[in-house]
Protein backbone atom coordinates (compact mmCIF):
# COMPACT_ATOMS: atom_id res chain seq x y z
CA MET A 1 0.00 0.00 0.00
CA ASP A 2 1.21 3.56 -0.67
CA SER A 3 0.92 6.58 1.57
CA THR A 4 -2.57 7.39 0.31
CA GLY A 5 -3.91 4.00 1.30
CA ALA A 6 -4.48 3.01 -2.33
CA GLY A 7 -2.54 0.14 -3.83
CA THR A 8 0.34 0.97 -6.11
CA VAL A 9 0.62 -0.53 -9.57
CA GLY A 10 2.87 -3.56 -9.62
CA GLU A 11 4.50 -5.36 -12.52
CA ASP A 12 2.19 -8.35 -12.09
CA ASP A 13 -0.82 -6.08 -12.62
CA ARG A 14 0.63 -4.78 -15.87
CA ALA A 15 1.90 -7.99 -17.44
CA THR A 16 -1.17 -10.19 -17.79
CA PRO A 17 -4.41 -9.93 -19.74
CA THR A 18 -7.27 -8.35 -17.83
CA THR A 19 -9.85 -10.78 -16.45
CA SER A 20 -12.98 -10.12 -14.45
CA PRO A 21 -16.03 -11.99 -13.14
CA GLY A 22 -18.10 -9.16 -14.60
CA PRO A 23 -18.44 -7.90 -18.18
CA ALA A 24 -15.42 -7.35 -20.39
CA VAL A 25 -16.11 -3.62 -20.80
CA GLU A 26 -18.40 -1.07 -19.17
CA ILE A 27 -18.98 2.12 -21.15
CA VAL A 28 -20.22 5.15 -19.23
CA LEU A 29 -22.23 7.87 -20.96
CA PRO A 30 -22.27 10.95 -18.67
CA VAL A 31 -25.36 13.06 -19.47
CA PHE A 32 -27.02 16.22 -18.20
CA ASP A 33 -30.32 17.41 -19.72
CA GLU A 34 -29.83 15.37 -22.88
CA GLU A 35 -33.45 14.56 -23.72
CA ARG A 36 -32.88 15.52 -27.37
CA ARG A 37 -29.82 13.35 -27.96
CA LEU A 38 -30.02 10.51 -25.46
CA GLU A 39 -32.12 7.98 -27.36
CA GLU A 40 -30.32 8.45 -30.67
CA GLY A 41 -26.91 8.21 -29.01
CA VAL A 42 -27.69 5.13 -26.94
CA ARG A 43 -29.40 3.30 -29.80
CA GLY A 44 -26.53 4.15 -32.13
CA LEU A 45 -23.94 2.83 -29.69
CA HIS A 46 -26.05 -0.27 -28.94
CA ALA A 47 -26.37 -1.06 -32.63
CA TYR A 48 -22.63 -0.70 -33.15
CA LEU A 49 -21.75 -2.92 -30.19
CA ALA A 50 -23.98 -5.66 -31.59
CA THR A 51 -21.50 -5.96 -34.48
CA ALA A 52 -18.31 -5.67 -32.39
CA THR A 53 -16.36 -8.67 -31.08
CA LEU A 54 -15.30 -7.41 -27.66
CA GLY A 55 -17.09 -9.91 -25.43
CA ASP A 56 -19.74 -8.82 -22.95
CA VAL A 57 -20.11 -5.02 -23.03
CA VAL A 58 -22.55 -3.05 -20.88
CA VAL A 59 -23.50 0.59 -21.32
CA THR A 60 -24.29 2.74 -18.28
CA ILE A 61 -26.13 6.03 -18.65
CA ALA A 62 -24.90 8.29 -15.84
CA ASP A 63 -27.52 10.99 -15.31
CA ASN A 64 -25.88 13.99 -13.62
CA GLY A 65 -28.93 15.54 -11.99
CA SER A 66 -30.90 16.22 -15.16
CA THR A 67 -34.05 18.32 -14.83
CA ASP A 68 -35.62 17.46 -18.19
CA ARG A 69 -36.88 14.11 -19.56
CA THR A 70 -33.43 12.52 -19.61
CA GLY A 71 -34.31 10.23 -16.71
CA SER A 72 -37.55 8.92 -18.18
CA ILE A 73 -35.99 8.39 -21.60
CA GLY A 74 -33.09 6.56 -19.96
CA ARG A 75 -35.43 4.26 -18.07
CA HIS A 76 -37.27 3.49 -21.30
CA LEU A 77 -33.98 2.56 -22.97
CA VAL A 78 -33.01 0.33 -20.04
CA ALA A 79 -36.30 -1.55 -20.42
CA ALA A 80 -36.07 -1.76 -24.20
CA LEU A 81 -32.43 -2.65 -24.84
CA PRO A 82 -30.37 -5.47 -23.29
CA GLY A 83 -27.05 -4.45 -21.77
CA ILE A 84 -28.15 -0.89 -20.95
CA ARG A 85 -28.12 0.37 -17.35
CA MET A 86 -28.68 3.74 -15.74
CA VAL A 87 -27.50 5.47 -12.58
CA ARG A 88 -28.64 8.77 -11.11
CA LEU A 89 -26.38 11.31 -9.40
CA GLU A 90 -27.82 14.49 -7.95
CA GLU A 91 -24.81 16.66 -8.78
CA LYS A 92 -23.35 17.67 -12.13
CA GLY A 93 -19.81 16.87 -13.24
CA ARG A 94 -18.41 14.50 -15.83
CA GLY A 95 -15.57 13.48 -13.54
CA ARG A 96 -18.00 12.90 -10.68
CA ALA A 97 -20.08 10.56 -12.84
CA LEU A 98 -17.06 8.62 -14.07
CA ARG A 99 -15.60 8.27 -10.59
CA ALA A 100 -18.90 7.01 -9.16
CA VAL A 101 -19.60 4.40 -11.83
CA TRP A 102 -16.02 3.28 -12.44
CA SER A 103 -15.44 2.80 -8.71
CA GLU A 104 -18.33 0.34 -8.52
CA SER A 105 -17.77 -1.43 -11.83
CA SER A 106 -16.96 -5.14 -12.01
CA ALA A 107 -15.86 -4.88 -15.66
CA ALA A 108 -12.33 -5.76 -16.72
CA VAL A 109 -12.08 -2.43 -18.57
CA VAL A 110 -14.02 0.76 -17.92
CA ALA A 111 -14.47 3.37 -20.62
CA TYR A 112 -16.46 6.45 -21.44
CA MET A 113 -17.54 8.51 -24.43
CA ASP A 114 -19.75 11.52 -25.06
CA ILE A 115 -23.44 10.95 -25.79
CA ASP A 116 -23.28 12.84 -29.10
CA LEU A 117 -20.92 10.17 -30.48
CA SER A 118 -18.69 12.89 -31.93
CA THR A 119 -15.89 10.32 -31.97
CA GLY A 120 -16.19 7.68 -34.67
CA LEU A 121 -17.04 4.34 -33.08
CA ASP A 122 -14.62 2.43 -35.31
CA ALA A 123 -11.93 3.63 -32.90
CA PHE A 124 -13.52 1.85 -29.94
CA PRO A 125 -12.06 -1.66 -30.47
CA PRO A 126 -8.51 -0.25 -30.83
CA LEU A 127 -9.16 1.75 -27.66
CA VAL A 128 -10.09 -1.17 -25.40
CA GLN A 129 -8.42 -4.23 -26.96
CA PRO A 130 -4.86 -3.40 -25.74
CA LEU A 131 -6.28 -3.12 -22.21
CA LEU A 132 -8.14 -6.42 -22.47
CA ASP A 133 -4.93 -8.03 -23.75
CA GLY A 134 -2.92 -6.61 -20.84
CA VAL A 135 -0.47 -4.67 -23.02
CA ALA A 136 -1.64 -1.21 -21.89
CA ASP A 137 -3.18 0.27 -18.75
CA VAL A 138 -4.89 3.40 -20.06
CA ALA A 139 -6.08 4.25 -23.57
CA VAL A 140 -6.98 7.71 -24.84
CA GLY A 141 -8.49 8.89 -28.08
CA THR A 142 -6.55 11.66 -29.76
CA ARG A 143 -7.65 14.23 -32.32
CA LEU A 144 -4.12 15.60 -32.68
CA ALA A 145 -2.03 12.63 -33.81
CA PRO A 146 -1.17 11.33 -37.29
CA GLY A 147 -4.14 9.39 -38.60
CA SER A 148 -6.71 11.53 -36.79
CA ARG A 149 -9.36 13.33 -38.80
CA VAL A 150 -11.18 16.27 -37.29
CA ASP A 151 -14.03 18.50 -38.43
CA ARG A 152 -14.40 21.47 -36.09
CA SER A 153 -14.36 25.26 -36.00
CA LEU A 154 -11.12 27.24 -36.14
CA VAL A 155 -11.76 28.59 -32.62
CA ARG A 156 -12.02 25.10 -31.12
CA GLU A 157 -9.01 23.91 -33.09
CA VAL A 158 -6.84 26.77 -31.84
CA LEU A 159 -8.04 26.38 -28.24
CA SER A 160 -7.46 22.62 -28.31
CA ARG A 161 -3.94 22.86 -29.70
CA GLY A 162 -3.04 25.70 -27.37
CA TYR A 163 -4.37 23.89 -24.31
CA ASN A 164 -2.62 20.62 -25.14
CA GLY A 165 0.57 22.55 -25.80
CA LEU A 166 0.36 23.92 -22.25
CA VAL A 167 -0.25 20.44 -20.82
CA GLN A 168 2.73 19.05 -22.68
CA GLY A 169 5.02 22.00 -21.94
CA LEU A 170 4.15 22.66 -18.30
CA LEU A 171 3.19 19.18 -17.09
CA ARG A 172 5.67 17.30 -19.31
CA SER A 173 2.96 15.14 -20.79
CA ARG A 174 3.58 13.19 -23.97
CA VAL A 175 -0.10 12.53 -24.62
CA SER A 176 -1.15 14.58 -27.62
CA ASP A 177 -4.79 15.18 -26.66
CA ALA A 178 -5.57 15.14 -22.95
CA GLN A 179 -9.20 16.28 -23.19
CA CYS A 180 -10.71 14.02 -25.86
CA GLY A 181 -13.90 12.48 -24.46
CA PHE A 182 -12.94 8.93 -25.39
CA LYS A 183 -10.93 7.02 -22.79
CA ALA A 184 -10.57 3.59 -21.18
CA VAL A 185 -8.79 2.20 -18.10
CA ARG A 186 -7.99 -1.29 -16.80
CA ARG A 187 -9.88 -1.92 -13.58
CA GLU A 188 -6.70 -3.11 -11.79
CA VAL A 189 -5.11 0.33 -12.03
CA LEU A 190 -8.19 2.36 -11.06
CA PRO A 191 -7.55 2.59 -7.27
CA PRO A 192 -4.20 4.41 -7.48
CA LEU A 193 -5.53 6.61 -10.27
CA LEU A 194 -8.84 7.68 -8.74
CA SER A 195 -7.36 8.19 -5.28
CA ARG A 196 -5.10 10.93 -6.68
CA ILE A 197 -7.55 12.69 -9.00
CA VAL A 198 -9.14 15.75 -7.38
CA ASP A 199 -11.26 17.28 -10.13
CA ASP A 200 -14.86 16.15 -10.62
CA ALA A 201 -15.65 18.18 -13.74
CA TRP A 202 -14.05 18.61 -17.18
CA PHE A 203 -10.43 18.72 -15.97
CA PHE A 204 -10.85 15.13 -14.76
CA ASP A 205 -9.65 13.98 -18.22
CA THR A 206 -6.39 15.87 -18.10
CA GLU A 207 -5.75 14.92 -14.49
CA LEU A 208 -6.33 11.25 -15.32
CA VAL A 209 -3.78 11.37 -18.15
CA VAL A 210 -1.12 13.26 -16.17
CA THR A 211 -1.59 11.07 -13.10
CA ALA A 212 -1.31 7.92 -15.21
CA GLU A 213 1.97 9.20 -16.63
CA ARG A 214 3.29 10.08 -13.18
CA LEU A 215 2.44 6.56 -12.00
CA GLY A 216 4.36 5.10 -14.93
CA LEU A 217 1.33 3.43 -16.49
CA ARG A 218 1.37 2.30 -20.09
CA ILE A 219 -0.76 4.62 -22.22
CA GLU A 220 -2.13 3.78 -25.66
CA GLN A 221 -3.03 6.71 -27.92
CA VAL A 222 -5.64 5.98 -30.59
CA PRO A 223 -6.20 8.41 -33.48
CA VAL A 224 -9.89 9.12 -33.98
CA THR A 225 -12.26 10.69 -36.44
CA TRP A 226 -14.06 13.48 -34.61
CA VAL A 227 -16.88 15.74 -35.80
CA GLU A 228 -17.77 18.79 -33.75
CA ASN A 229 -21.31 18.91 -32.39
CA SER A 230 -22.80 22.39 -32.70
CA ASP A 231 -25.00 21.66 -29.66
CA SER A 232 -22.05 21.02 -27.33
CA ARG A 233 -22.75 21.77 -23.65
CA VAL A 234 -19.17 22.88 -22.98
CA HIS A 235 -18.87 26.56 -22.02
CA LEU A 236 -15.52 27.33 -23.67
CA LEU A 237 -14.39 30.35 -21.62
CA ARG A 238 -15.47 29.04 -18.22
CA THR A 239 -14.08 25.57 -18.92
CA SER A 240 -10.79 27.00 -20.22
CA LEU A 241 -10.30 29.07 -17.05
CA ARG A 242 -10.96 26.06 -14.82
CA ASP A 243 -8.60 23.96 -16.88
CA LEU A 244 -5.85 26.55 -16.39
CA GLN A 245 -6.51 26.44 -12.64
CA GLY A 246 -6.21 22.66 -12.80
CA ILE A 247 -2.87 22.87 -14.60
CA ALA A 248 -1.59 25.29 -11.93
CA ARG A 249 -2.69 22.88 -9.19
CA LEU A 250 -0.93 19.92 -10.82
CA LEU A 251 2.24 22.00 -11.14
CA ARG A 252 2.18 22.36 -7.34
CA THR A 253 1.40 18.67 -6.77
CA PRO A 254 4.46 16.46 -6.23
CA ALA A 255 4.84 13.10 -7.91
CA PRO A 256 3.41 10.12 -5.96
CA VAL A 257 5.63 9.12 -3.05
CA GLY A 258 7.99 6.30 -3.92
CA MET A 259 7.22 6.38 -7.64
CA THR A 260 9.15 7.65 -10.62
CA VAL A 261 7.65 10.31 -12.84
CA ALA A 262 7.34 8.64 -16.22
CA PRO A 263 8.40 10.87 -19.14
CA GLY A 264 5.58 9.46 -21.26
CA PRO A 265 3.67 6.38 -22.28
CA SER A 266 6.75 4.44 -23.34
CA ALA A 267 10.25 5.83 -22.98
CA ASP A 268 11.78 3.08 -25.12
CA ARG A 269 9.50 3.73 -28.11
CA PRO A 270 9.87 7.25 -29.53
CA ASP A 271 6.62 6.96 -31.49
CA ASP A 272 4.99 5.50 -28.42
CA HIS A 273 1.73 3.70 -28.63
CA ILE A 274 0.10 5.62 -31.46
CA ALA A 275 -2.19 2.93 -32.78
CA GLU A 276 -2.00 2.57 -36.55
CA VAL A 277 -5.69 2.84 -37.29
CA THR A 278 -7.78 5.08 -39.48
CA THR A 279 -11.29 5.60 -38.23
CA GLU A 280 -14.50 6.71 -39.85
CA ARG A 281 -17.36 8.39 -38.04
CA THR A 282 -20.09 5.77 -37.64
CA PRO A 283 -23.53 7.22 -38.41
CA THR A 284 -26.10 6.63 -35.73
CA PRO A 285 -29.36 4.99 -36.79
CA PRO A 286 -32.41 7.19 -36.52
CA SER A 287 -34.63 6.94 -34.17
CA THR A 288 -13.66 13.29 -0.12
CA GLY A 289 -16.89 11.26 0.24
CA ARG A 290 -17.96 10.28 -3.21
CA PRO A 291 -21.53 9.81 -4.37
CA THR A 292 -22.97 6.35 -4.67
CA CYS A 293 -24.87 5.57 -7.81
CA PRO A 294 -28.01 3.44 -7.48
CA ARG A 295 -28.60 1.46 -10.66
CA THR A 296 -32.01 1.27 -12.29
């Protein structure tokens, strides 16, 4: 055990394929007031997973205190589609939702994506398969690596590249895109990760990546096809300011006691872990006490 009380990551945890008495993968969809997009997004993901060969995959809708019809639509989807679950949290926050569901998951690999399916689903098998095989600990989608294809406004492109440049320059990260909403983690390495992550909102993504690097975990970067959603709920200015505050906090946070700060996902591979895949956007068919998350 380390000084935080959470187990450290040992070589045995990182050398064998991931096994679990539960499902192979649990995908979390954090949502807040998404009555317009929830059914289309869930049905699109469900249809895609029916064609994938990843073993048993469950999808959990994590309702972050929605005040519209998100809850009732989610319950309808749970009743109508096998492998769909829902949890309700009374407070907002993407990081809060992921922490709550991931902490209770029995899946071998936990993952998440945004409900608008901005990221092409063809990138999902390359995201989780290295974790299931035990050759990586964390996998992140990237919109800024060779092989990625992105359709978004100039403002978002500039902000994204500028922000990731700060993360790489100030926090010495070698992950090209810390904030892409498309990530997966092996369940064995969750305790030391989650115990050190403070943020419960949008900066959770960056903090997860930086903490994983500081713990010396193996990180797989998967190029994705990503199409900007004009109905995004992200408030750019407010989120950018909070992200800068998060970077400043991590600069003041020392590396975990007794662990070596890893320079990146794989020091012995200069082109480290950039999966050689080209992805297409998959069209969707029409249509610290932490919170507990009761499943419905």
